[in-house]
Amino acid sequence: MSILLSNKSKEYLKRSNTSNFLVDIIFIEEPCTQIYNPVIEKIEDVDLENYKDFEKVSHDNLILYLSDWFIKIYGTLEEYKLDINGIFKKKLIIKNINPIIKNTCKVD
């Protein structure tokens, strides 16, 4: 497993001065729809102990901690392509994974 950083994500990481991130899933449920959306969240240094048993992917000073739920839904990837998203509030995203959208209503 490896991490590929876009130029924008490299700049973001330099500015943010953070090197530990959690890769997790946001679950959204709406009428007839379930959405599993991958997210990346900063992990504060004081909270690192909580993630010691998580599967890790690292590149230079960057470490991605993969949640069990993320691995259950998406598995582990050969490569995690990170980029930046957002106009005013920038955040890291995994560019090579799309949300999983499930239709939960049975239409005859």
N, C-alpha and C. Protein backbone atom coordinates (compact mmCIF):
# COMPACT_ATOMS: atom_id res chain seq x y z
N MET A 1 0.84 -1.17 0.00
CA MET A 1 0.00 0.00 0.00
C MET A 1 0.88 1.23 0.00
N SER A 2 0.48 2.21 -0.80
CA SER A 2 1.25 3.44 -0.87
C SER A 2 0.32 4.64 -0.93
N ILE A 3 0.91 5.82 -0.77
CA ILE A 3 0.17 7.08 -0.82
C ILE A 3 0.76 7.93 -1.92
N LEU A 4 -0.11 8.45 -2.79
CA LEU A 4 0.28 9.37 -3.85
C LEU A 4 -0.33 10.72 -3.53
N LEU A 5 0.51 11.75 -3.41
CA LEU A 5 0.06 13.08 -3.04
C LEU A 5 0.05 14.01 -4.24
N SER A 6 -1.04 14.74 -4.43
CA SER A 6 -1.06 15.79 -5.45
C SER A 6 -0.22 16.96 -4.94
N ASN A 7 0.15 17.86 -5.82
CA ASN A 7 0.92 19.04 -5.40
C ASN A 7 0.15 19.87 -4.38
N LYS A 8 -1.17 20.00 -4.59
CA LYS A 8 -2.00 20.77 -3.66
C LYS A 8 -2.02 20.11 -2.28
N SER A 9 -2.10 18.78 -2.24
CA SER A 9 -2.13 18.11 -0.95
C SER A 9 -0.77 18.23 -0.24
N LYS A 10 0.32 18.22 -0.99
CA LYS A 10 1.64 18.41 -0.38
C LYS A 10 1.72 19.78 0.30
N GLU A 11 1.23 20.82 -0.40
CA GLU A 11 1.24 22.17 0.17
C GLU A 11 0.34 22.25 1.41
N TYR A 12 -0.82 21.62 1.32
CA TYR A 12 -1.75 21.61 2.45
C TYR A 12 -1.09 20.96 3.67
N LEU A 13 -0.44 19.84 3.48
CA LEU A 13 0.21 19.14 4.59
C LEU A 13 1.33 19.97 5.20
N LYS A 14 2.08 20.69 4.36
CA LYS A 14 3.13 21.56 4.89
C LYS A 14 2.54 22.66 5.76
N ARG A 15 1.45 23.26 5.29
CA ARG A 15 0.81 24.36 6.02
C ARG A 15 0.10 23.89 7.28
N SER A 16 -0.51 22.72 7.22
CA SER A 16 -1.31 22.25 8.37
C SER A 16 -0.46 21.74 9.52
N ASN A 17 0.78 21.37 9.22
CA ASN A 17 1.69 20.86 10.24
C ASN A 17 1.09 19.65 10.98
N THR A 18 0.35 18.84 10.25
CA THR A 18 -0.25 17.62 10.80
C THR A 18 0.19 16.46 9.94
N SER A 19 0.49 15.34 10.57
CA SER A 19 0.95 14.20 9.79
C SER A 19 0.14 12.93 10.03
N ASN A 20 -0.83 12.98 10.94
CA ASN A 20 -1.64 11.79 11.27
C ASN A 20 -3.10 12.03 10.91
N PHE A 21 -3.65 11.13 10.11
CA PHE A 21 -5.03 11.27 9.65
C PHE A 21 -5.75 9.94 9.75
N LEU A 22 -7.04 10.02 10.07
CA LEU A 22 -7.91 8.86 10.12
C LEU A 22 -8.70 8.78 8.81
N VAL A 23 -8.68 7.62 8.17
CA VAL A 23 -9.51 7.37 6.99
C VAL A 23 -10.70 6.57 7.48
N ASP A 24 -11.89 7.15 7.33
CA ASP A 24 -13.09 6.55 7.89
C ASP A 24 -14.24 6.69 6.89
N ILE A 25 -15.43 6.32 7.33
CA ILE A 25 -16.64 6.36 6.50
C ILE A 25 -17.68 7.22 7.19
N ILE A 26 -18.35 8.07 6.42
CA ILE A 26 -19.55 8.74 6.89
C ILE A 26 -20.72 7.98 6.27
N PHE A 27 -21.66 7.58 7.11
CA PHE A 27 -22.83 6.85 6.65
C PHE A 27 -24.02 7.81 6.65
N ILE A 28 -24.66 7.96 5.50
CA ILE A 28 -25.82 8.83 5.35
C ILE A 28 -26.98 7.97 4.88
N GLU A 29 -28.12 8.13 5.54
CA GLU A 29 -29.30 7.38 5.11
C GLU A 29 -30.44 8.35 4.85
N GLU A 30 -30.98 8.27 3.68
CA GLU A 30 -32.12 9.08 3.27
C GLU A 30 -33.18 8.13 2.74
N PRO A 31 -34.40 8.61 2.48
CA PRO A 31 -35.43 7.71 1.95
C PRO A 31 -34.93 6.96 0.71
N CYS A 32 -34.95 5.65 0.80
CA CYS A 32 -34.57 4.75 -0.30
C CYS A 32 -33.08 4.79 -0.67
N THR A 33 -32.25 5.46 0.11
CA THR A 33 -30.84 5.58 -0.25
C THR A 33 -29.94 5.45 0.97
N GLN A 34 -28.87 4.69 0.82
CA GLN A 34 -27.80 4.64 1.81
C GLN A 34 -26.51 5.05 1.09
N ILE A 35 -25.74 5.92 1.74
CA ILE A 35 -24.50 6.42 1.14
C ILE A 35 -23.35 6.16 2.12
N TYR A 36 -22.32 5.52 1.61
CA TYR A 36 -21.08 5.31 2.36
C TYR A 36 -20.02 6.21 1.72
N ASN A 37 -19.63 7.26 2.43
CA ASN A 37 -18.73 8.25 1.87
C ASN A 37 -17.40 8.24 2.64
N PRO A 38 -16.28 7.99 1.97
CA PRO A 38 -14.98 7.99 2.67
C PRO A 38 -14.57 9.41 3.06
N VAL A 39 -14.00 9.56 4.25
CA VAL A 39 -13.54 10.86 4.73
C VAL A 39 -12.16 10.70 5.36
N ILE A 40 -11.45 11.81 5.38
CA ILE A 40 -10.15 11.87 6.06
C ILE A 40 -10.22 12.96 7.12
N GLU A 41 -9.88 12.62 8.35
CA GLU A 41 -9.93 13.56 9.45
C GLU A 41 -8.58 13.63 10.14
N LYS A 42 -8.22 14.82 10.59
CA LYS A 42 -6.97 15.00 11.33
C LYS A 42 -7.06 14.28 12.66
N ILE A 43 -5.95 13.72 13.07
CA ILE A 43 -5.83 13.12 14.41
C ILE A 43 -4.84 13.98 15.20
N GLU A 44 -5.30 14.46 16.32
CA GLU A 44 -4.43 15.26 17.18
C GLU A 44 -3.41 14.34 17.86
N ASP A 45 -2.23 14.85 18.11
CA ASP A 45 -1.17 14.05 18.72
C ASP A 45 -1.60 13.43 20.05
N VAL A 46 -2.39 14.15 20.84
CA VAL A 46 -2.81 13.62 22.14
C VAL A 46 -3.75 12.43 22.00
N ASP A 47 -4.37 12.25 20.83
CA ASP A 47 -5.30 11.15 20.60
C ASP A 47 -4.68 9.95 19.90
N LEU A 48 -3.42 10.01 19.57
CA LEU A 48 -2.77 8.94 18.80
C LEU A 48 -2.86 7.57 19.47
N GLU A 49 -2.83 7.55 20.77
CA GLU A 49 -2.90 6.28 21.50
C GLU A 49 -4.17 5.50 21.15
N ASN A 50 -5.25 6.21 20.86
CA ASN A 50 -6.52 5.57 20.52
C ASN A 50 -6.47 4.82 19.19
N TYR A 51 -5.49 5.11 18.36
CA TYR A 51 -5.41 4.54 17.02
C TYR A 51 -4.23 3.58 16.84
N LYS A 52 -3.58 3.22 17.93
CA LYS A 52 -2.36 2.40 17.84
C LYS A 52 -2.60 1.04 17.19
N ASP A 53 -3.81 0.47 17.30
CA ASP A 53 -4.08 -0.85 16.74
C ASP A 53 -4.69 -0.81 15.34
N PHE A 54 -4.88 0.38 14.80
CA PHE A 54 -5.45 0.51 13.45
C PHE A 54 -4.42 0.15 12.40
N GLU A 55 -4.89 -0.35 11.25
CA GLU A 55 -3.98 -0.58 10.13
C GLU A 55 -3.48 0.78 9.64
N LYS A 56 -2.19 0.84 9.29
CA LYS A 56 -1.57 2.11 8.90
C LYS A 56 -0.97 2.03 7.50
N VAL A 57 -1.01 3.18 6.83
CA VAL A 57 -0.32 3.36 5.56
C VAL A 57 0.51 4.62 5.74
N SER A 58 1.79 4.58 5.40
CA SER A 58 2.63 5.76 5.62
C SER A 58 3.43 6.14 4.38
N HIS A 59 3.79 7.41 4.35
CA HIS A 59 4.60 7.98 3.28
C HIS A 59 5.33 9.17 3.87
N ASP A 60 6.65 9.12 3.90
CA ASP A 60 7.45 10.17 4.56
C ASP A 60 6.92 10.38 5.97
N ASN A 61 6.49 11.59 6.31
CA ASN A 61 5.97 11.87 7.66
C ASN A 61 4.46 11.68 7.77
N LEU A 62 3.80 11.34 6.69
CA LEU A 62 2.35 11.20 6.67
C LEU A 62 1.94 9.77 7.04
N ILE A 63 1.00 9.64 7.97
CA ILE A 63 0.45 8.33 8.34
C ILE A 63 -1.06 8.39 8.24
N LEU A 64 -1.63 7.44 7.49
CA LEU A 64 -3.08 7.27 7.40
C LEU A 64 -3.45 6.07 8.26
N TYR A 65 -4.37 6.27 9.19
CA TYR A 65 -4.89 5.20 10.02
C TYR A 65 -6.23 4.79 9.43
N LEU A 66 -6.37 3.53 9.06
CA LEU A 66 -7.59 3.04 8.40
C LEU A 66 -8.54 2.45 9.43
N SER A 67 -9.76 2.99 9.50
CA SER A 67 -10.74 2.46 10.45
C SER A 67 -11.19 1.08 10.00
N ASP A 68 -11.65 0.29 10.95
CA ASP A 68 -12.16 -1.05 10.63
C ASP A 68 -13.33 -0.97 9.66
N TRP A 69 -14.18 0.03 9.85
CA TRP A 69 -15.34 0.18 8.99
C TRP A 69 -14.93 0.52 7.56
N PHE A 70 -13.91 1.37 7.41
CA PHE A 70 -13.40 1.69 6.08
C PHE A 70 -12.89 0.42 5.39
N ILE A 71 -12.13 -0.37 6.11
CA ILE A 71 -11.58 -1.61 5.53
C ILE A 71 -12.70 -2.58 5.18
N LYS A 72 -13.73 -2.66 6.04
CA LYS A 72 -14.85 -3.55 5.77
C LYS A 72 -15.59 -3.14 4.50
N ILE A 73 -15.79 -1.85 4.28
CA ILE A 73 -16.55 -1.36 3.12
C ILE A 73 -15.69 -1.33 1.85
N TYR A 74 -14.47 -0.80 1.94
CA TYR A 74 -13.63 -0.59 0.76
C TYR A 74 -12.44 -1.54 0.65
N GLY A 75 -12.10 -2.20 1.74
CA GLY A 75 -10.90 -3.03 1.72
C GLY A 75 -9.66 -2.14 1.81
N THR A 76 -8.51 -2.74 1.60
CA THR A 76 -7.28 -1.95 1.54
C THR A 76 -6.93 -1.75 0.08
N LEU A 77 -6.40 -0.60 -0.23
CA LEU A 77 -6.07 -0.25 -1.61
C LEU A 77 -4.58 -0.36 -1.85
N GLU A 78 -4.21 -0.60 -3.07
CA GLU A 78 -2.79 -0.60 -3.43
C GLU A 78 -2.21 0.81 -3.29
N GLU A 79 -3.05 1.82 -3.63
CA GLU A 79 -2.57 3.20 -3.60
C GLU A 79 -3.69 4.12 -3.14
N TYR A 80 -3.36 5.04 -2.25
CA TYR A 80 -4.29 6.05 -1.78
C TYR A 80 -3.88 7.38 -2.41
N LYS A 81 -4.69 7.87 -3.34
CA LYS A 81 -4.39 9.12 -4.04
C LYS A 81 -5.06 10.26 -3.30
N LEU A 82 -4.26 11.09 -2.66
CA LEU A 82 -4.80 12.20 -1.86
C LEU A 82 -4.75 13.50 -2.64
N ASP A 83 -5.82 14.27 -2.48
CA ASP A 83 -5.92 15.58 -3.11
C ASP A 83 -6.64 16.49 -2.14
N ILE A 84 -6.85 17.73 -2.54
CA ILE A 84 -7.54 18.72 -1.73
C ILE A 84 -8.88 19.05 -2.36
N ASN A 85 -9.88 19.23 -1.49
CA ASN A 85 -11.21 19.60 -1.95
C ASN A 85 -11.68 20.78 -1.11
N GLY A 86 -12.57 21.58 -1.65
CA GLY A 86 -13.14 22.71 -0.92
C GLY A 86 -12.59 24.03 -1.42
N ILE A 87 -13.46 25.02 -1.41
CA ILE A 87 -13.05 26.36 -1.87
C ILE A 87 -12.53 27.18 -0.71
N PHE A 88 -13.33 27.31 0.34
CA PHE A 88 -12.92 28.12 1.49
C PHE A 88 -12.30 27.28 2.60
N LYS A 89 -12.90 26.16 2.88
CA LYS A 89 -12.38 25.26 3.90
C LYS A 89 -11.77 24.05 3.20
N LYS A 90 -10.47 24.01 3.12
CA LYS A 90 -9.75 22.93 2.43
C LYS A 90 -9.71 21.68 3.30
N LYS A 91 -9.84 20.52 2.64
CA LYS A 91 -9.70 19.26 3.36
C LYS A 91 -9.13 18.22 2.41
N LEU A 92 -8.47 17.23 3.00
CA LEU A 92 -7.92 16.13 2.23
C LEU A 92 -9.04 15.18 1.81
N ILE A 93 -8.94 14.66 0.61
CA ILE A 93 -9.86 13.64 0.12
C ILE A 93 -9.07 12.52 -0.54
N ILE A 94 -9.69 11.35 -0.61
CA ILE A 94 -9.11 10.25 -1.36
C ILE A 94 -9.72 10.31 -2.75
N LYS A 95 -8.90 10.60 -3.72
CA LYS A 95 -9.38 10.86 -5.07
C LYS A 95 -9.77 9.59 -5.84
N ASN A 96 -9.20 8.46 -5.50
CA ASN A 96 -9.45 7.24 -6.27
C ASN A 96 -10.51 6.33 -5.64
N ILE A 97 -11.37 6.89 -4.78
CA ILE A 97 -12.49 6.15 -4.21
C ILE A 97 -13.75 7.00 -4.35
N ASN A 98 -14.81 6.39 -4.83
CA ASN A 98 -16.10 7.07 -4.94
C ASN A 98 -17.02 6.59 -3.83
N PRO A 99 -17.97 7.44 -3.43
CA PRO A 99 -18.96 6.99 -2.45
C PRO A 99 -19.74 5.79 -3.00
N ILE A 100 -20.19 4.94 -2.10
CA ILE A 100 -21.05 3.82 -2.49
C ILE A 100 -22.48 4.25 -2.19
N ILE A 101 -23.33 4.22 -3.20
CA ILE A 101 -24.72 4.63 -3.06
C ILE A 101 -25.59 3.42 -3.32
N LYS A 102 -26.44 3.07 -2.34
CA LYS A 102 -27.29 1.90 -2.47
C LYS A 102 -28.76 2.33 -2.48
N ASN A 103 -29.51 1.81 -3.42
CA ASN A 103 -30.95 2.01 -3.45
C ASN A 103 -31.58 0.94 -2.57
N THR A 104 -32.27 1.37 -1.51
CA THR A 104 -32.82 0.41 -0.56
C THR A 104 -34.31 0.17 -0.74
N CYS A 105 -34.95 0.87 -1.68
CA CYS A 105 -36.37 0.65 -1.95
C CYS A 105 -36.53 -0.34 -3.09
N LYS A 106 -37.48 -1.20 -2.94
CA LYS A 106 -37.76 -2.16 -4.01
C LYS A 106 -38.82 -1.57 -4.92
N VAL A 107 -38.45 -1.33 -6.15
CA VAL A 107 -39.37 -0.76 -7.13
C VAL A 107 -39.73 -1.85 -8.12
N ASP A 108 -41.05 -2.14 -8.26
CA ASP A 108 -41.50 -3.17 -9.19
C ASP A 108 -41.91 -2.56 -10.52
